[in-house]
Structures are given as C-alpha cells and as structure tokens.
C-alpha atoms as a PDB file:
ATOM      1  CA  UNK A   1      -5.581  -4.461  19.533  1.00  0.00           C
ATOM      2  CA  UNK A   2      -5.254  -7.963  18.124  1.00  0.00           C
ATOM      3  CA  UNK A   3      -2.561  -6.972  15.635  1.00  0.00           C
ATOM      4  CA  UNK A   4      -4.543  -8.409  12.741  1.00  0.00           C
ATOM      5  CA  UNK A   5      -3.706  -5.400  10.593  1.00  0.00           C
ATOM      6  CA  UNK A   6      -0.035  -6.350  10.677  1.00  0.00           C
ATOM      7  CA  UNK A   7      -0.681  -9.802   9.243  1.00  0.00           C
ATOM      8  CA  UNK A   8      -1.118  -8.663   5.654  1.00  0.00           C
ATOM      9  CA  UNK A   9       2.530  -9.087   4.705  1.00  0.00           C
ATOM     10  CA  UNK A  10       2.462 -12.651   5.957  1.00  0.00           C
ATOM     11  CA  UNK A  11      -0.824 -13.637   4.328  1.00  0.00           C
ATOM     12  CA  UNK A  12      -0.518 -11.868   0.975  1.00  0.00           C
ATOM     13  CA  UNK A  13       1.388 -14.802  -0.612  1.00  0.00           C
ATOM     14  CA  UNK A  14      -1.544 -17.013   0.395  1.00  0.00           C
ATOM     15  CA  UNK A  15      -3.935 -14.696  -1.454  1.00  0.00           C
ATOM     16  CA  UNK A  16      -1.771 -14.931  -4.534  1.00  0.00           C
ATOM     17  CA  UNK A  17      -1.678 -18.722  -4.420  1.00  0.00           C
ATOM     18  CA  UNK A  18      -5.177 -19.588  -3.236  1.00  0.00           C
ATOM     19  CA  UNK A  19      -7.122 -16.890  -5.059  1.00  0.00           C
ATOM     20  CA  UNK A  20      -4.943 -16.530  -8.129  1.00  0.00           C
ATOM     21  CA  UNK A  21      -4.256 -12.829  -7.573  1.00  0.00           C
ATOM     22  CA  UNK A  22      -1.342 -11.131  -9.243  1.00  0.00           C
ATOM     23  CA  UNK A  23       0.923  -8.603  -7.516  1.00  0.00           C
ATOM     24  CA  UNK A  24      -1.133  -5.641  -8.740  1.00  0.00           C
ATOM     25  CA  UNK A  25      -4.319  -7.097  -7.239  1.00  0.00           C
ATOM     26  CA  UNK A  26      -2.587  -7.844  -3.938  1.00  0.00           C
ATOM     27  CA  UNK A  27      -1.272  -4.265  -3.865  1.00  0.00           C
ATOM     28  CA  UNK A  28      -4.802  -2.932  -4.479  1.00  0.00           C
ATOM     29  CA  UNK A  29      -6.051  -5.096  -1.629  1.00  0.00           C
ATOM     30  CA  UNK A  30      -3.321  -3.703   0.641  1.00  0.00           C
ATOM     31  CA  UNK A  31      -4.327  -0.133  -0.244  1.00  0.00           C
ATOM     32  CA  UNK A  32      -7.977  -0.902   0.534  1.00  0.00           C
ATOM     33  CA  UNK A  33      -6.986  -2.454   3.867  1.00  0.00           C
ATOM     34  CA  UNK A  34      -4.866   0.552   4.803  1.00  0.00           C
ATOM     35  CA  UNK A  35      -7.526   3.030   3.743  1.00  0.00           C
ATOM     36  CA  UNK A  36     -10.107   1.270   5.861  1.00  0.00           C
ATOM     37  CA  UNK A  37      -7.788   1.408   8.834  1.00  0.00           C
ATOM     38  CA  UNK A  38      -6.938   5.080   8.377  1.00  0.00           C
ATOM     39  CA  UNK A  39     -10.383   6.465   7.674  1.00  0.00           C
ATOM     40  CA  UNK A  40     -11.993   4.783  10.650  1.00  0.00           C
ATOM     41  CA  UNK A  41     -15.498   6.165  10.128  1.00  0.00           C
ATOM     42  CA  UNK A  42     -17.122   3.165  11.764  1.00  0.00           C
ATOM     43  CA  UNK A  43     -14.762   3.219  14.742  1.00  0.00           C
ATOM     44  CA  UNK A  44     -15.183   6.956  15.201  1.00  0.00           C
ATOM     45  CA  UNK A  45     -18.948   6.735  15.116  1.00  0.00           C
ATOM     46  CA  UNK A  46     -18.985   3.825  17.526  1.00  0.00           C
ATOM     47  CA  UNK A  47     -16.623   5.510  19.975  1.00  0.00           C
ATOM     48  CA  UNK A  48     -18.886   8.565  20.108  1.00  0.00           C
ATOM     49  CA  UNK A  49     -22.044   6.592  20.808  1.00  0.00           C
ATOM     50  CA  UNK A  50     -21.161   3.312  22.541  1.00  0.00           C
ATOM     51  CA  UNK A  51     -19.498   2.432  25.830  1.00  0.00           C
ATOM     52  CA  UNK A  52     -15.944   1.064  25.513  1.00  0.00           C
ATOM     53  CA  UNK A  53     -16.913  -2.585  26.069  1.00  0.00           C
ATOM     54  CA  UNK A  54     -19.482  -2.425  23.246  1.00  0.00           C
ATOM     55  CA  UNK A  55     -17.021  -0.734  20.903  1.00  0.00           C
ATOM     56  CA  UNK A  56     -14.430  -3.444  21.552  1.00  0.00           C
ATOM     57  CA  UNK A  57     -17.065  -6.114  20.976  1.00  0.00           C
ATOM     58  CA  UNK A  58     -18.027  -4.521  17.650  1.00  0.00           C
ATOM     59  CA  UNK A  59     -14.366  -4.356  16.588  1.00  0.00           C
ATOM     60  CA  UNK A  60     -13.844  -7.995  17.481  1.00  0.00           C
ATOM     61  CA  UNK A  61     -16.941  -8.938  15.475  1.00  0.00           C
ATOM     62  CA  UNK A  62     -15.677  -6.984  12.457  1.00  0.00           C
ATOM     63  CA  UNK A  63     -12.310  -8.753  12.612  1.00  0.00           C
ATOM     64  CA  UNK A  64     -13.976 -12.133  13.017  1.00  0.00           C
ATOM     65  CA  UNK A  65     -16.214 -11.605  10.000  1.00  0.00           C
ATOM     66  CA  UNK A  66     -13.530 -10.040   7.784  1.00  0.00           C
ATOM     67  CA  UNK A  67     -10.614 -12.338   8.501  1.00  0.00           C
ATOM     68  CA  UNK A  68     -12.869 -15.320   9.149  1.00  0.00           C
ATOM     69  CA  UNK A  69     -14.412 -15.037   5.714  1.00  0.00           C
ATOM     70  CA  UNK A  70     -10.962 -14.768   4.126  1.00  0.00           C
ATOM     71  CA  UNK A  71      -9.903 -17.887   6.019  1.00  0.00           C
ATOM     72  CA  UNK A  72     -12.966 -19.732   4.711  1.00  0.00           C
ATOM     73  CA  UNK A  73     -12.100 -18.693   1.154  1.00  0.00           C
ATOM     74  CA  UNK A  74      -8.433 -19.661   1.420  1.00  0.00           C
ATOM     75  CA  UNK A  75      -9.287 -23.064   2.904  1.00  0.00           C
ATOM     76  CA  UNK A  76     -11.822 -23.674   0.095  1.00  0.00           C
ATOM     77  CA  UNK A  77     -14.795 -23.750   2.456  1.00  0.00           C
ATOM     78  CA  UNK A  78     -16.432 -20.727   0.827  1.00  0.00           C
ATOM     79  CA  UNK A  79     -16.470 -19.537  -2.771  1.00  0.00           C
ATOM     80  CA  UNK A  80     -13.871 -17.013  -3.833  1.00  0.00           C
ATOM     81  CA  UNK A  81     -15.160 -13.462  -3.997  1.00  0.00           C
ATOM     82  CA  UNK A  82     -14.271 -10.823  -6.580  1.00  0.00           C
ATOM     83  CA  UNK A  83     -11.419  -8.518  -5.593  1.00  0.00           C
ATOM     84  CA  UNK A  84     -13.828  -5.661  -4.920  1.00  0.00           C
ATOM     85  CA  UNK A  85     -15.713  -7.722  -2.323  1.00  0.00           C
ATOM     86  CA  UNK A  86     -12.513  -8.923  -0.644  1.00  0.00           C
ATOM     87  CA  UNK A  87     -11.337  -5.308  -0.480  1.00  0.00           C
ATOM     88  CA  UNK A  88     -14.555  -4.351   1.274  1.00  0.00           C
ATOM     89  CA  UNK A  89     -14.266  -7.044   3.937  1.00  0.00           C
END
C-alpha cells in the first residue's frame, strides 16, 4: 500500500555506493526482495487469522523494520550487514 516495493530501482545505487555492493549483489538483493513479495507466506497467514486493521499494522511494522534498518545502515548509524541478512530484511 505504501509503494515501498517500487523504490528498489531508486535506492539500488545507494546500496552500491554505501555498502560497496557490486551489480551482481544488487541483482541478488532484488531477486530476494521480489521473492519475498511474491511468496507472501506471512501476509497469507496473517490475513487468515487477523482482522484487517491488525494485518495492516503488522505490514506497516515489517516495512518500518526492514526499510528503517536499511536507512540506518546507509546513513552509517548501524553497522553494515552481510548480503544474506540484508536480503532477509
């Protein structure tokens, strides 16, 4: 709903500069991001068990943690994580 998934093309150059990733690593990160969006196991489970307001709150929290942590890394307020950990967030 927030459109955060569409930001990757705009922020991938920042990953390359701030984290020292090469194009292959950025492409692997893009695949992990897309896979997470397509599989949707967490969202499917939540939608079957929670009311809509709680599901939206959980999605907002996931975006805040995932993109918030990446923002902290890029602004040098948190240590850089290995590519596997960034792919998971």
